[in-house]
PDB file of N, CA and C in Angstrom:
ATOM      1  N   UNK A   1     142.598 125.076 103.020  1.00  0.00           N
ATOM      2  CA  UNK A   1     142.785 124.516 101.701  1.00  0.00           C
ATOM      3  C   UNK A   1     141.731 125.120 100.786  1.00  0.00           C
ATOM      4  N   UNK A   2     142.161 125.558  99.600  1.00  0.00           N
ATOM      5  CA  UNK A   2     141.233 126.178  98.659  1.00  0.00           C
ATOM      6  C   UNK A   2     140.313 125.136  98.040  1.00  0.00           C
ATOM      7  N   UNK A   3     139.153 125.566  97.540  1.00  0.00           N
ATOM      8  CA  UNK A   3     138.236 124.615  96.888  1.00  0.00           C
ATOM      9  C   UNK A   3     138.885 123.887  95.721  1.00  0.00           C
ATOM     10  N   UNK A   4     139.748 124.576  94.972  1.00  0.00           N
ATOM     11  CA  UNK A   4     140.421 123.935  93.843  1.00  0.00           C
ATOM     12  C   UNK A   4     141.360 122.835  94.330  1.00  0.00           C
ATOM     13  N   UNK A   5     142.051 123.087  95.451  1.00  0.00           N
ATOM     14  CA  UNK A   5     142.966 122.080  96.005  1.00  0.00           C
ATOM     15  C   UNK A   5     142.190 120.890  96.533  1.00  0.00           C
ATOM     16  N   UNK A   6     141.035 121.161  97.155  1.00  0.00           N
ATOM     17  CA  UNK A   6     140.202 120.068  97.652  1.00  0.00           C
ATOM     18  C   UNK A   6     139.715 119.200  96.509  1.00  0.00           C
ATOM     19  N   UNK A   7     139.341 119.825  95.413  1.00  0.00           N
ATOM     20  CA  UNK A   7     138.835 119.073  94.259  1.00  0.00           C
ATOM     21  C   UNK A   7     139.913 118.158  93.697  1.00  0.00           C
ATOM     22  N   UNK A   8     141.166 118.616  93.724  1.00  0.00           N
ATOM     23  CA  UNK A   8     142.267 117.809  93.193  1.00  0.00           C
ATOM     24  C   UNK A   8     142.578 116.618  94.094  1.00  0.00           C
ATOM     25  N   UNK A   9     142.376 116.778  95.407  1.00  0.00           N
ATOM     26  CA  UNK A   9     142.718 115.704  96.335  1.00  0.00           C
ATOM     27  C   UNK A   9     141.525 114.808  96.654  1.00  0.00           C
ATOM     28  N   UNK A  10     140.336 115.214  96.253  1.00  0.00           N
ATOM     29  CA  UNK A  10     139.144 114.419  96.559  1.00  0.00           C
ATOM     30  C   UNK A  10     139.142 113.128  95.763  1.00  0.00           C
ATOM     31  N   UNK A  11     138.593 112.091  96.370  1.00  0.00           N
ATOM     32  CA  UNK A  11     138.472 110.806  95.691  1.00  0.00           C
ATOM     33  C   UNK A  11     137.337 110.892  94.693  1.00  0.00           C
ATOM     34  N   UNK A  12     137.577 110.508  93.432  1.00  0.00           N
ATOM     35  CA  UNK A  12     136.493 110.516  92.455  1.00  0.00           C
ATOM     36  C   UNK A  12     135.366 109.590  92.892  1.00  0.00           C
ATOM     37  N   UNK A  13     134.153 109.928  92.493  1.00  0.00           N
ATOM     38  CA  UNK A  13     132.990 109.140  92.897  1.00  0.00           C
ATOM     39  C   UNK A  13     133.116 107.689  92.479  1.00  0.00           C
ATOM     40  N   UNK A  14     133.732 107.431  91.349  1.00  0.00           N
ATOM     41  CA  UNK A  14     133.862 106.054  90.867  1.00  0.00           C
ATOM     42  C   UNK A  14     134.767 105.233  91.774  1.00  0.00           C
ATOM     43  N   UNK A  15     135.692 105.904  92.472  1.00  0.00           N
ATOM     44  CA  UNK A  15     136.619 105.189  93.345  1.00  0.00           C
ATOM     45  C   UNK A  15     136.138 105.150  94.791  1.00  0.00           C
ATOM     46  N   UNK A  16     135.163 105.971  95.140  1.00  0.00           N
ATOM     47  CA  UNK A  16     134.682 106.026  96.515  1.00  0.00           C
ATOM     48  C   UNK A  16     133.941 104.737  96.857  1.00  0.00           C
ATOM     49  N   UNK A  17     134.118 104.232  98.083  1.00  0.00           N
ATOM     50  CA  UNK A  17     133.402 103.015  98.463  1.00  0.00           C
ATOM     51  C   UNK A  17     131.899 103.275  98.503  1.00  0.00           C
ATOM     52  N   UNK A  18     131.136 102.304  98.050  1.00  0.00           N
ATOM     53  CA  UNK A  18     129.687 102.437  98.025  1.00  0.00           C
ATOM     54  C   UNK A  18     129.104 102.057  99.380  1.00  0.00           C
ATOM     55  N   UNK A  19     128.278 102.919  99.912  1.00  0.00           N
ATOM     56  CA  UNK A  19     127.575 102.628 101.151  1.00  0.00           C
ATOM     57  C   UNK A  19     126.202 102.107 100.774  1.00  0.00           C
ATOM     58  N   UNK A  20     125.862 100.902 101.221  1.00  0.00           N
ATOM     59  CA  UNK A  20     124.543 100.374 100.842  1.00  0.00           C
ATOM     60  C   UNK A  20     123.423 101.203 101.463  1.00  0.00           C
ATOM     61  N   UNK A  21     122.319 101.281 100.757  1.00  0.00           N
ATOM     62  CA  UNK A  21     121.150 101.981 101.269  1.00  0.00           C
ATOM     63  C   UNK A  21     120.439 101.136 102.312  1.00  0.00           C
ATOM     64  N   UNK A  22     119.374 101.691 102.850  1.00  0.00           N
ATOM     65  CA  UNK A  22     118.632 101.015 103.904  1.00  0.00           C
ATOM     66  C   UNK A  22     118.101  99.660 103.443  1.00  0.00           C
ATOM     67  N   UNK A  23     117.449  99.643 102.285  1.00  0.00           N
ATOM     68  CA  UNK A  23     116.845  98.403 101.793  1.00  0.00           C
ATOM     69  C   UNK A  23     117.896  97.316 101.542  1.00  0.00           C
ATOM     70  N   UNK A  24     119.025  97.726 100.972  1.00  0.00           N
ATOM     71  CA  UNK A  24     120.097  96.763 100.721  1.00  0.00           C
ATOM     72  C   UNK A  24     120.664  96.223 102.029  1.00  0.00           C
ATOM     73  N   UNK A  25     120.809  97.102 103.010  1.00  0.00           N
ATOM     74  CA  UNK A  25     121.333  96.681 104.313  1.00  0.00           C
ATOM     75  C   UNK A  25     120.395  95.703 104.994  1.00  0.00           C
ATOM     76  N   UNK A  26     119.092  95.989 104.939  1.00  0.00           N
ATOM     77  CA  UNK A  26     118.111  95.094 105.555  1.00  0.00           C
ATOM     78  C   UNK A  26     118.119  93.742 104.858  1.00  0.00           C
ATOM     79  N   UNK A  27     118.177  93.746 103.530  1.00  0.00           N
ATOM     80  CA  UNK A  27     118.185  92.487 102.787  1.00  0.00           C
ATOM     81  C   UNK A  27     119.414  91.648 103.145  1.00  0.00           C
ATOM     82  N   UNK A  28     120.570  92.291 103.233  1.00  0.00           N
ATOM     83  CA  UNK A  28     121.786  91.559 103.607  1.00  0.00           C
ATOM     84  C   UNK A  28     121.687  91.044 105.038  1.00  0.00           C
ATOM     85  N   UNK A  29     121.139  91.853 105.917  1.00  0.00           N
ATOM     86  CA  UNK A  29     120.988  91.446 107.314  1.00  0.00           C
ATOM     87  C   UNK A  29     120.060  90.239 107.429  1.00  0.00           C
ATOM     88  N   UNK A  30     118.967  90.247 106.678  1.00  0.00           N
ATOM     89  CA  UNK A  30     118.038  89.111 106.685  1.00  0.00           C
ATOM     90  C   UNK A  30     118.746  87.846 106.192  1.00  0.00           C
ATOM     91  N   UNK A  31     119.566  87.979 105.145  1.00  0.00           N
ATOM     92  CA  UNK A  31     120.306  86.830 104.621  1.00  0.00           C
ATOM     93  C   UNK A  31     121.293  86.291 105.660  1.00  0.00           C
ATOM     94  N   UNK A  32     121.959  87.196 106.356  1.00  0.00           N
ATOM     95  CA  UNK A  32     122.914  86.787 107.388  1.00  0.00           C
ATOM     96  C   UNK A  32     122.201  86.049 108.516  1.00  0.00           C
ATOM     97  N   UNK A  33     121.078  86.582 108.958  1.00  0.00           N
ATOM     98  CA  UNK A  33     120.317  85.928 110.029  1.00  0.00           C
ATOM     99  C   UNK A  33     119.905  84.525 109.589  1.00  0.00           C
ATOM    100  N   UNK A  34     119.479  84.387 108.347  1.00  0.00           N
ATOM    101  CA  UNK A  34     119.097  83.076 107.825  1.00  0.00           C
ATOM    102  C   UNK A  34     120.250  82.089 107.870  1.00  0.00           C
ATOM    103  N   UNK A  35     121.441  82.555 107.475  1.00  0.00           N
ATOM    104  CA  UNK A  35     122.612  81.681 107.512  1.00  0.00           C
ATOM    105  C   UNK A  35     122.952  81.272 108.939  1.00  0.00           C
ATOM    106  N   UNK A  36     122.896  82.236 109.844  1.00  0.00           N
ATOM    107  CA  UNK A  36     123.234  81.933 111.236  1.00  0.00           C
ATOM    108  C   UNK A  36     122.209  80.999 111.867  1.00  0.00           C
ATOM    109  N   UNK A  37     120.939  81.229 111.562  1.00  0.00           N
ATOM    110  CA  UNK A  37     119.898  80.362 112.121  1.00  0.00           C
ATOM    111  C   UNK A  37     119.979  78.947 111.571  1.00  0.00           C
ATOM    112  N   UNK A  38     120.423  78.803 110.333  1.00  0.00           N
ATOM    113  CA  UNK A  38     120.542  77.478 109.731  1.00  0.00           C
ATOM    114  C   UNK A  38     121.664  76.674 110.378  1.00  0.00           C
ATOM    115  N   UNK A  39     122.648  77.381 110.944  1.00  0.00           N
ATOM    116  CA  UNK A  39     123.747  76.701 111.623  1.00  0.00           C
ATOM    117  C   UNK A  39     124.646  75.914 110.690  1.00  0.00           C
ATOM    118  N   UNK A  40     124.654  76.291 109.424  1.00  0.00           N
ATOM    119  CA  UNK A  40     125.407  75.519 108.440  1.00  0.00           C
ATOM    120  C   UNK A  40     126.774  76.110 108.110  1.00  0.00           C
ATOM    121  N   UNK A  41     127.204  77.127 108.866  1.00  0.00           N
ATOM    122  CA  UNK A  41     128.503  77.732 108.594  1.00  0.00           C
ATOM    123  C   UNK A  41     129.453  77.437 109.748  1.00  0.00           C
ATOM    124  N   UNK A  42     130.747  77.324 109.436  1.00  0.00           N
ATOM    125  CA  UNK A  42     131.736  77.093 110.498  1.00  0.00           C
ATOM    126  C   UNK A  42     131.749  78.269 111.489  1.00  0.00           C
ATOM    127  N   UNK A  43     132.211  78.011 112.682  1.00  0.00           N
ATOM    128  CA  UNK A  43     132.221  79.018 113.739  1.00  0.00           C
ATOM    129  C   UNK A  43     132.945  80.295 113.312  1.00  0.00           C
ATOM    130  N   UNK A  44     134.094  80.174 112.675  1.00  0.00           N
ATOM    131  CA  UNK A  44     134.840  81.377 112.281  1.00  0.00           C
ATOM    132  C   UNK A  44     134.029  82.227 111.304  1.00  0.00           C
ATOM    133  N   UNK A  45     133.353  81.576 110.362  1.00  0.00           N
ATOM    134  CA  UNK A  45     132.524  82.315 109.416  1.00  0.00           C
ATOM    135  C   UNK A  45     131.290  82.885 110.120  1.00  0.00           C
ATOM    136  N   UNK A  46     130.746  82.141 111.066  1.00  0.00           N
ATOM    137  CA  UNK A  46     129.593  82.625 111.824  1.00  0.00           C
ATOM    138  C   UNK A  46     129.955  83.896 112.595  1.00  0.00           C
ATOM    139  N   UNK A  47     131.152  83.932 113.158  1.00  0.00           N
ATOM    140  CA  UNK A  47     131.595  85.131 113.882  1.00  0.00           C
ATOM    141  C   UNK A  47     131.727  86.314 112.932  1.00  0.00           C
ATOM    142  N   UNK A  48     132.261  86.092 111.727  1.00  0.00           N
ATOM    143  CA  UNK A  48     132.377  87.161 110.737  1.00  0.00           C
ATOM    144  C   UNK A  48     130.989  87.650 110.315  1.00  0.00           C
ATOM    145  N   UNK A  49     130.076  86.712 110.111  1.00  0.00           N
ATOM    146  CA  UNK A  49     128.713  87.080 109.745  1.00  0.00           C
ATOM    147  C   UNK A  49     128.051  87.878 110.864  1.00  0.00           C
ATOM    148  N   UNK A  50     128.264  87.455 112.102  1.00  0.00           N
ATOM    149  CA  UNK A  50     127.695  88.161 113.251  1.00  0.00           C
ATOM    150  C   UNK A  50     128.198  89.605 113.297  1.00  0.00           C
ATOM    151  N   UNK A  51     129.512  89.775 113.116  1.00  0.00           N
ATOM    152  CA  UNK A  51     130.095  91.114 113.142  1.00  0.00           C
ATOM    153  C   UNK A  51     129.531  91.977 112.011  1.00  0.00           C
ATOM    154  N   UNK A  52     129.408  91.395 110.820  1.00  0.00           N
ATOM    155  CA  UNK A  52     128.826  92.131 109.694  1.00  0.00           C
ATOM    156  C   UNK A  52     127.369  92.499 110.010  1.00  0.00           C
ATOM    157  N   UNK A  53     126.640  91.571 110.592  1.00  0.00           N
ATOM    158  CA  UNK A  53     125.258  91.826 110.969  1.00  0.00           C
ATOM    159  C   UNK A  53     125.129  92.962 111.967  1.00  0.00           C
ATOM    160  N   UNK A  54     126.038  93.015 112.925  1.00  0.00           N
ATOM    161  CA  UNK A  54     126.030  94.097 113.907  1.00  0.00           C
ATOM    162  C   UNK A  54     126.234  95.441 113.221  1.00  0.00           C
ATOM    163  N   UNK A  55     127.161  95.495 112.275  1.00  0.00           N
ATOM    164  CA  UNK A  55     127.417  96.742 111.544  1.00  0.00           C
ATOM    165  C   UNK A  55     126.202  97.140 110.716  1.00  0.00           C
ATOM    166  N   UNK A  56     125.590  96.161 110.061  1.00  0.00           N
ATOM    167  CA  UNK A  56     124.402  96.448 109.262  1.00  0.00           C
ATOM    168  C   UNK A  56     123.248  96.928 110.137  1.00  0.00           C
ATOM    169  N   UNK A  57     123.065  96.296 111.286  1.00  0.00           N
ATOM    170  CA  UNK A  57     121.995  96.709 112.201  1.00  0.00           C
ATOM    171  C   UNK A  57     122.220  98.144 112.671  1.00  0.00           C
ATOM    172  N   UNK A  58     123.458  98.491 112.973  1.00  0.00           N
ATOM    173  CA  UNK A  58     123.770  99.864 113.398  1.00  0.00           C
ATOM    174  C   UNK A  58     123.507 100.843 112.251  1.00  0.00           C
ATOM    175  N   UNK A  59     123.859 100.452 111.051  1.00  0.00           N
ATOM    176  CA  UNK A  59     123.619 101.297 109.884  1.00  0.00           C
ATOM    177  C   UNK A  59     122.129 101.512 109.670  1.00  0.00           C
ATOM    178  N   UNK A  60     121.343 100.461 109.790  1.00  0.00           N
ATOM    179  CA  UNK A  60     119.889 100.567 109.640  1.00  0.00           C
ATOM    180  C   UNK A  60     119.296 101.473 110.707  1.00  0.00           C
ATOM    181  N   UNK A  61     119.772 101.331 111.930  1.00  0.00           N
ATOM    182  CA  UNK A  61     119.295 102.179 113.021  1.00  0.00           C
ATOM    183  C   UNK A  61     119.605 103.643 112.729  1.00  0.00           C
ATOM    184  N   UNK A  62     120.812 103.909 112.222  1.00  0.00           N
ATOM    185  CA  UNK A  62     121.196 105.281 111.887  1.00  0.00           C
ATOM    186  C   UNK A  62     120.313 105.836 110.773  1.00  0.00           C
ATOM    187  N   UNK A  63     120.034 105.023 109.762  1.00  0.00           N
ATOM    188  CA  UNK A  63     119.136 105.440 108.683  1.00  0.00           C
ATOM    189  C   UNK A  63     117.772 105.814 109.252  1.00  0.00           C
ATOM    190  N   UNK A  64     117.221 104.967 110.108  1.00  0.00           N
ATOM    191  CA  UNK A  64     115.896 105.212 110.671  1.00  0.00           C
ATOM    192  C   UNK A  64     115.883 106.448 111.568  1.00  0.00           C
ATOM    193  N   UNK A  65     116.920 106.625 112.357  1.00  0.00           N
ATOM    194  CA  UNK A  65     117.004 107.808 113.213  1.00  0.00           C
ATOM    195  C   UNK A  65     117.078 109.075 112.363  1.00  0.00           C
ATOM    196  N   UNK A  66     117.854 109.025 111.279  1.00  0.00           N
ATOM    197  CA  UNK A  66     117.946 110.172 110.376  1.00  0.00           C
ATOM    198  C   UNK A  66     116.606 110.490 109.740  1.00  0.00           C
ATOM    199  N   UNK A  67     115.895 109.458 109.326  1.00  0.00           N
ATOM    200  CA  UNK A  67     114.573 109.652 108.732  1.00  0.00           C
ATOM    201  C   UNK A  67     113.614 110.258 109.759  1.00  0.00           C
ATOM    202  N   UNK A  68     113.682 109.772 110.974  1.00  0.00           N
ATOM    203  CA  UNK A  68     112.823 110.287 112.041  1.00  0.00           C
ATOM    204  C   UNK A  68     113.100 111.769 112.278  1.00  0.00           C
ATOM    205  N   UNK A  69     114.370 112.140 112.287  1.00  0.00           N
ATOM    206  CA  UNK A  69     114.732 113.540 112.508  1.00  0.00           C
ATOM    207  C   UNK A  69     114.244 114.417 111.359  1.00  0.00           C
ATOM    208  N   UNK A  70     114.362 113.927 110.116  1.00  0.00           N
ATOM    209  CA  UNK A  70     113.891 114.704 108.970  1.00  0.00           C
ATOM    210  C   UNK A  70     112.374 114.879 109.016  1.00  0.00           C
ATOM    211  N   UNK A  71     111.662 113.840 109.425  1.00  0.00           N
ATOM    212  CA  UNK A  71     110.201 113.931 109.537  1.00  0.00           C
ATOM    213  C   UNK A  71     109.820 114.949 110.608  1.00  0.00           C
ATOM    214  N   UNK A  72     110.483 114.879 111.757  1.00  0.00           N
ATOM    215  CA  UNK A  72     110.191 115.832 112.833  1.00  0.00           C
ATOM    216  C   UNK A  72     110.492 117.257 112.388  1.00  0.00           C
ATOM    217  N   UNK A  73     111.597 117.464 111.679  1.00  0.00           N
ATOM    218  CA  UNK A  73     111.937 118.795 111.190  1.00  0.00           C
ATOM    219  C   UNK A  73     110.891 119.293 110.193  1.00  0.00           C
ATOM    220  N   UNK A  74     110.430 118.421 109.325  1.00  0.00           N
ATOM    221  CA  UNK A  74     109.401 118.811 108.346  1.00  0.00           C
ATOM    222  C   UNK A  74     108.083 119.138 109.054  1.00  0.00           C
ATOM    223  N   UNK A  75     107.741 118.367 110.075  1.00  0.00           N
ATOM    224  CA  UNK A  75     106.515 118.644 110.826  1.00  0.00           C
ATOM    225  C   UNK A  75     106.590 119.992 111.519  1.00  0.00           C
ATOM    226  N   UNK A  76     107.749 120.280 112.127  1.00  0.00           N
ATOM    227  CA  UNK A  76     107.914 121.556 112.814  1.00  0.00           C
ATOM    228  C   UNK A  76     107.858 122.707 111.824  1.00  0.00           C
ATOM    229  N   UNK A  77     108.505 122.526 110.674  1.00  0.00           N
ATOM    230  CA  UNK A  77     108.484 123.586 109.661  1.00  0.00           C
ATOM    231  C   UNK A  77     107.062 123.810 109.165  1.00  0.00           C
ATOM    232  N   UNK A  78     106.287 122.739 109.021  1.00  0.00           N
ATOM    233  CA  UNK A  78     104.899 122.862 108.594  1.00  0.00           C
ATOM    234  C   UNK A  78     104.045 123.573 109.634  1.00  0.00           C
ATOM    235  N   UNK A  79     104.312 123.272 110.899  1.00  0.00           N
ATOM    236  CA  UNK A  79     103.547 123.900 111.982  1.00  0.00           C
ATOM    237  C   UNK A  79     103.886 125.396 112.089  1.00  0.00           C
ATOM    238  N   UNK A  80     105.134 125.741 111.849  1.00  0.00           N
ATOM    239  CA  UNK A  80     105.551 127.142 111.915  1.00  0.00           C
ATOM    240  C   UNK A  80     104.982 127.934 110.739  1.00  0.00           C
ATOM    241  N   UNK A  81     104.800 127.265 109.602  1.00  0.00           N
ATOM    242  CA  UNK A  81     104.277 127.925 108.427  1.00  0.00           C
ATOM    243  C   UNK A  81     102.780 128.104 108.459  1.00  0.00           C
ATOM    244  N   UNK A  82     102.119 127.428 109.380  1.00  0.00           N
ATOM    245  CA  UNK A  82     100.652 127.508 109.463  1.00  0.00           C
ATOM    246  C   UNK A  82     100.190 128.742 110.176  1.00  0.00           C
TER     247      UNK A  82
END
C-alpha cells in the first residue's frame, strides 16, 4: 500500500482512542484499589474494577519496562561514546 493510500485509510488523531499515560494509569489504579478495599461496590462492579485494574497494572509494567530499556540503551550509547 502506498503512503498516500495509508494516509487516506488512517484514523485521524482526533478519532483515535486515547491511551492514558503512566501517571494517569497509576492514579486510576490507586482509585480502583481504594474502591475495592472499601468494599462498597456490588460484586459485579467489583469484578469489572478488578479487570480494569489488571489491565492498568499491565500497562504500568509495560511503561516501566520500556523506560528501563531506554535507560539501558542510553547508558550503553554513553559508554560506547566514551
